N, C-alpha and C. Protein backbone atom coordinates (compact mmCIF):
# COMPACT_ATOMS: atom_id res chain seq x y z
N MET A 1 0.93 -1.47 0.06
CA MET A 1 -0.47 0.29 -0.28
C MET A 1 0.67 1.98 0.06
N SER A 2 0.24 2.56 -0.76
CA SER A 2 1.78 3.47 -0.56
C SER A 2 1.64 4.00 0.72
N TYR A 3 0.35 4.11 1.15
CA TYR A 3 -0.02 4.53 2.29
C TYR A 3 1.33 4.38 3.53
N GLN A 4 2.35 3.19 3.21
CA GLN A 4 2.84 2.61 3.92
C GLN A 4 4.48 3.16 3.55
N GLN A 5 4.49 3.80 2.59
CA GLN A 5 5.99 4.36 1.88
C GLN A 5 5.90 5.77 2.43
N TYR A 6 5.65 6.14 3.03
CA TYR A 6 5.39 7.28 3.54
C TYR A 6 5.46 6.74 5.22
N GLY A 7 5.51 5.93 5.90
CA GLY A 7 5.68 5.66 7.04
C GLY A 7 4.00 5.26 7.90
N ILE A 8 3.20 5.46 7.38
CA ILE A 8 2.25 5.46 8.23
C ILE A 8 1.40 3.90 8.13
N SER A 9 1.73 3.69 9.49
CA SER A 9 1.10 2.13 10.07
C SER A 9 -0.08 1.65 9.05
N PRO A 10 -0.24 0.19 9.25
CA PRO A 10 -1.59 -0.26 8.45
C PRO A 10 -2.63 -0.29 9.94
N GLN A 11 -1.88 -0.07 10.61
CA GLN A 11 -2.53 -0.76 12.75
C GLN A 11 -3.66 0.70 12.74
N LEU A 12 -2.57 1.42 12.62
CA LEU A 12 -3.64 3.23 13.04
C LEU A 12 -4.37 3.87 11.84
N VAL A 13 -3.81 2.64 10.55
CA VAL A 13 -5.78 3.02 9.18
C VAL A 13 -6.55 2.49 9.16
N GLU A 14 -6.06 1.14 10.30
CA GLU A 14 -7.53 0.29 10.22
C GLU A 14 -8.16 0.67 11.58
N ARG A 15 -7.01 1.17 13.07
CA ARG A 15 -8.28 1.66 13.95
C ARG A 15 -9.13 2.89 13.48
N ILE A 16 -8.04 3.85 12.67
CA ILE A 16 -8.82 4.73 11.80
C ILE A 16 -10.80 4.68 11.41
N LYS A 17 -10.43 3.28 10.29
CA LYS A 17 -11.57 2.75 9.79
C LYS A 17 -12.71 2.41 10.53
N LEU A 18 -12.27 1.80 11.62
CA LEU A 18 -12.64 1.45 12.61
C LEU A 18 -13.79 2.19 13.16
N LYS A 19 -13.03 3.15 13.27
CA LYS A 19 -13.41 4.69 14.15
C LYS A 19 -14.97 5.12 13.13
N MET A 20 -13.94 5.29 11.72
CA MET A 20 -15.46 5.51 11.56
C MET A 20 -16.14 4.93 10.31
N LYS A 21 -16.36 4.21 11.18
CA LYS A 21 -18.11 2.98 10.95
C LYS A 21 -19.22 3.79 11.87
N ASN A 22 -18.45 4.65 12.93
CA ASN A 22 -19.46 4.97 14.10
C ASN A 22 -20.20 6.28 13.33
N PRO A 23 -21.40 6.16 13.16
CA PRO A 23 -22.05 6.97 11.90
C PRO A 23 -22.34 8.36 12.49
N ALA A 24 -21.55 9.52 13.96
CA ALA A 24 -21.37 10.53 14.24
C ALA A 24 -20.66 10.75 13.94
N VAL A 25 -19.59 9.77 14.14
CA VAL A 25 -18.06 10.68 13.59
C VAL A 25 -17.66 10.62 12.04
N LYS A 26 -18.41 9.76 11.10
CA LYS A 26 -18.57 9.87 10.58
C LYS A 26 -19.31 11.56 9.86
N GLU A 27 -19.58 11.12 10.17
CA GLU A 27 -21.13 13.05 9.98
C GLU A 27 -19.94 13.78 10.41
N ARG A 28 -19.60 14.18 11.68
CA ARG A 28 -18.78 15.02 11.83
C ARG A 28 -17.43 15.23 10.57
N ILE A 29 -16.97 14.18 10.62
CA ILE A 29 -15.33 14.02 9.22
C ILE A 29 -16.01 14.42 8.03
N LYS A 30 -17.12 14.36 7.84
CA LYS A 30 -17.92 15.10 6.79
C LYS A 30 -17.64 16.32 5.90
N GLY A 31 -18.90 16.73 7.20
CA GLY A 31 -18.94 18.11 7.89
C GLY A 31 -16.31 18.97 7.52
N LEU A 32 -16.33 19.07 8.49
CA LEU A 32 -14.56 18.36 7.76
C LEU A 32 -14.30 18.82 6.65
N THR A 33 -14.71 17.95 6.10
CA THR A 33 -14.12 17.77 4.57
C THR A 33 -14.71 18.53 3.04
N GLN A 34 -16.39 18.80 4.19
CA GLN A 34 -17.63 19.95 3.32
C GLN A 34 -16.36 20.40 2.82
N GLY A 35 -16.80 20.93 1.05
CA GLY A 35 -16.15 21.90 0.78
C GLY A 35 -15.21 22.01 0.48
N LEU A 36 -13.39 21.15 0.70
CA LEU A 36 -12.55 21.06 0.21
C LEU A 36 -12.38 21.12 -1.41
N THR A 37 -11.51 22.10 -1.41
CA THR A 37 -10.66 22.36 -2.89
C THR A 37 -9.33 21.39 -2.95
N LYS A 38 -9.37 21.10 -4.71
CA LYS A 38 -8.03 20.27 -4.32
C LYS A 38 -6.80 21.92 -4.33
N ALA A 39 -6.83 23.21 -4.23
CA ALA A 39 -5.67 23.67 -3.38
C ALA A 39 -5.61 24.14 -2.28
N ASP A 40 -6.46 23.45 -0.97
CA ASP A 40 -6.58 23.81 -0.42
C ASP A 40 -5.18 21.67 0.72
N LEU A 41 -5.94 21.23 -0.66
CA LEU A 41 -5.78 19.95 -0.39
C LEU A 41 -3.69 19.67 -0.45
N GLN A 42 -3.99 20.92 -1.29
CA GLN A 42 -1.80 21.09 -1.77
C GLN A 42 -1.22 21.96 -0.64
N ASN A 43 -1.74 22.47 -0.23
CA ASN A 43 -1.34 23.33 1.08
C ASN A 43 -0.96 23.10 1.79
N SER A 44 -0.28 22.90 2.23
CA SER A 44 0.35 21.70 3.82
C SER A 44 0.04 22.64 4.80
N ALA A 45 -0.19 23.81 4.94
CA ALA A 45 -0.25 24.30 6.85
C ALA A 45 -2.19 23.47 6.41
N LYS A 46 -2.86 23.93 5.36
CA LYS A 46 -4.15 23.60 5.48
C LYS A 46 -4.80 22.29 5.82
N VAL A 47 -3.36 22.01 4.59
CA VAL A 47 -3.65 19.64 5.72
C VAL A 47 -3.13 19.03 6.68
N HIS A 48 -2.23 19.92 7.27
CA HIS A 48 -2.20 19.47 8.20
C HIS A 48 -3.25 20.56 8.99
N GLN A 49 -3.82 21.27 9.51
CA GLN A 49 -4.17 21.58 10.48
C GLN A 49 -6.39 20.86 10.81
N LEU A 50 -5.92 20.23 9.41
CA LEU A 50 -7.01 19.01 9.12
C LEU A 50 -6.76 18.05 9.81
N ILE A 51 -5.64 17.42 9.16
CA ILE A 51 -5.33 16.21 9.97
C ILE A 51 -5.47 16.71 11.97
N ARG A 52 -5.35 17.62 12.32
CA ARG A 52 -5.22 17.95 14.13
C ARG A 52 -6.56 17.57 14.19
N THR A 53 -7.24 18.01 13.74
CA THR A 53 -8.70 18.13 13.41
C THR A 53 -9.25 17.02 13.17
N ALA A 54 -8.83 16.57 12.05
CA ALA A 54 -10.04 14.85 12.45
C ALA A 54 -9.27 13.89 13.63
N SER A 55 -7.83 14.00 13.60
CA SER A 55 -7.10 12.98 15.02
C SER A 55 -8.56 13.29 16.55
N GLY A 56 -8.82 15.03 16.34
CA GLY A 56 -9.05 14.66 17.84
C GLY A 56 -10.13 14.36 17.43
N ILE A 57 -10.95 14.57 16.89
CA ILE A 57 -12.35 13.94 16.14
C ILE A 57 -12.82 12.88 16.60
N LEU A 58 -11.06 11.84 15.56
CA LEU A 58 -11.20 10.40 15.75
C LEU A 58 -11.03 10.10 17.08
N ASN A 59 -10.46 11.12 18.62
CA ASN A 59 -10.10 10.88 19.50
C ASN A 59 -9.08 10.47 19.18
N GLU A 60 -8.07 10.29 18.11
CA GLU A 60 -6.59 9.36 18.19
C GLU A 60 -5.29 9.99 18.50
N LYS A 61 -4.71 9.87 18.72
CA LYS A 61 -3.35 10.60 19.49
C LYS A 61 -1.99 10.72 18.44
N LEU A 62 -1.47 11.67 17.53
CA LEU A 62 -1.06 11.30 16.92
C LEU A 62 0.45 12.05 17.25
N SER A 63 1.66 12.01 17.06
CA SER A 63 3.07 12.45 17.08
C SER A 63 3.09 13.39 16.32
N SER A 64 4.15 14.39 16.17
CA SER A 64 4.26 15.46 15.12
C SER A 64 4.71 14.15 14.41
N ALA A 65 5.34 13.29 14.24
CA ALA A 65 6.55 12.72 13.41
C ALA A 65 5.21 11.85 11.74
N GLN A 66 3.97 11.97 13.00
CA GLN A 66 2.87 11.15 11.81
C GLN A 66 2.03 11.81 11.66
N GLU A 67 1.12 12.86 11.52
CA GLU A 67 1.46 14.16 11.78
C GLU A 67 1.83 14.86 9.84
N GLN A 68 2.98 14.53 10.32
CA GLN A 68 4.70 15.39 8.80
C GLN A 68 3.72 14.62 8.48
N GLN A 69 4.02 12.65 8.45
CA GLN A 69 3.96 12.03 7.32
C GLN A 69 2.41 11.78 6.69
N MET A 70 1.50 12.15 7.27
CA MET A 70 0.35 12.87 6.89
C MET A 70 -0.30 13.45 5.71
N VAL A 71 0.37 14.74 6.04
CA VAL A 71 0.31 15.40 5.62
C VAL A 71 1.41 15.26 4.16
N GLN A 72 2.66 14.70 4.63
CA GLN A 72 3.09 14.63 3.21
C GLN A 72 2.78 13.55 2.00
N PHE A 73 1.95 12.83 2.34
CA PHE A 73 0.64 11.92 1.74
C PHE A 73 -0.13 12.07 1.04
N VAL A 74 -0.45 13.32 1.84
CA VAL A 74 -1.46 14.05 0.95
C VAL A 74 -1.23 14.53 -0.01
N LEU A 75 -0.51 15.30 0.05
CA LEU A 75 0.41 16.23 -0.32
C LEU A 75 0.99 15.44 -1.75
N ALA A 76 1.95 14.45 -1.84
CA ALA A 76 1.86 13.86 -2.61
C ALA A 76 1.08 12.97 -3.37
N GLN A 77 0.10 13.02 -3.27
CA GLN A 77 -1.32 12.13 -3.98
C GLN A 77 -2.05 12.90 -4.87
N ARG A 78 -2.03 14.46 -3.84
CA ARG A 78 -2.64 15.79 -5.54
C ARG A 78 -3.78 15.28 -5.65
N ILE A 79 -5.01 15.04 -4.70
CA ILE A 79 -5.76 15.02 -4.76
C ILE A 79 -7.13 15.87 -5.43
N ASP A 80 -7.87 15.62 -5.96
CA ASP A 80 -8.68 17.09 -6.37
C ASP A 80 -10.38 16.26 -6.08
N PRO A 81 -10.77 16.94 -5.32
CA PRO A 81 -12.30 16.07 -4.22
C PRO A 81 -13.82 16.21 -5.64
N ASN A 82 -13.11 17.19 -6.37
CA ASN A 82 -13.64 16.92 -7.65
C ASN A 82 -13.95 15.92 -8.83
N ASN A 83 -12.64 15.16 -8.55
CA ASN A 83 -12.73 14.45 -9.95
C ASN A 83 -12.92 12.89 -8.41
N THR A 84 -13.84 11.91 -9.84
CA THR A 84 -14.05 11.39 -9.28
C THR A 84 -13.24 10.40 -9.17
N PHE A 85 -12.46 9.75 -10.12
CA PHE A 85 -11.21 8.84 -10.48
C PHE A 85 -10.20 8.96 -9.14
N HIS A 86 -10.10 10.17 -8.57
CA HIS A 86 -9.00 10.43 -7.47
C HIS A 86 -10.09 9.93 -5.91
N LEU A 87 -11.26 9.99 -6.27
CA LEU A 87 -11.78 9.99 -5.07
C LEU A 87 -12.12 7.75 -4.96
N ILE A 88 -12.44 7.39 -6.08
CA ILE A 88 -12.03 5.93 -6.35
C ILE A 88 -10.86 5.85 -6.18
N LYS A 89 -9.48 5.91 -6.36
CA LYS A 89 -8.02 5.50 -6.63
C LYS A 89 -7.50 5.37 -4.80
N LEU A 90 -9.04 6.66 -4.03
CA LEU A 90 -8.40 6.39 -2.94
C LEU A 90 -9.50 5.59 -2.08
N TRP A 91 -10.37 5.85 -2.17
CA TRP A 91 -11.53 4.56 -1.52
C TRP A 91 -10.45 2.75 -1.80
N GLY A 92 -10.08 2.78 -2.94
CA GLY A 92 -9.46 1.37 -3.19
C GLY A 92 -8.19 1.58 -2.28
N MET A 93 -6.83 1.99 -2.19
CA MET A 93 -5.91 2.35 -1.73
C MET A 93 -6.29 2.16 0.30
N PHE A 94 -7.74 2.33 0.51
CA PHE A 94 -8.11 2.36 1.91
C PHE A 94 -9.25 0.84 2.43
N ARG A 95 -9.51 0.15 0.98
CA ARG A 95 -10.41 -0.77 1.10
C ARG A 95 -10.14 -1.80 2.22
C-alpha cells in the first residue's frame, strides 16, 4: 500500500477505519471535509490543520512525526475532491 511508503502504520489505518464506521464520527468528518478544494489539499498548513482536527474528532493521539507523514502523503497524492477517479483511487487504497 502506498501509505506505508510514507511511514503510516497499517494498524493506525485499521483503527481509523473502525472508528469511521460510527455514524456520528463519520458525519463530523464529512462536515470537516465539506467544501474542500484541490488547492486546500495542496496547502501544507491547511492539510496539517485538517489532520489535527480529524485526529481530535477520532480521538487519536498522533505524534508530530505521524502528522508530518500524513501531510506528506496527502500532498503527494495531488487529490482533487471534484475528480471521481481520484476519489475511487483513494477508496481502493484504504478498502
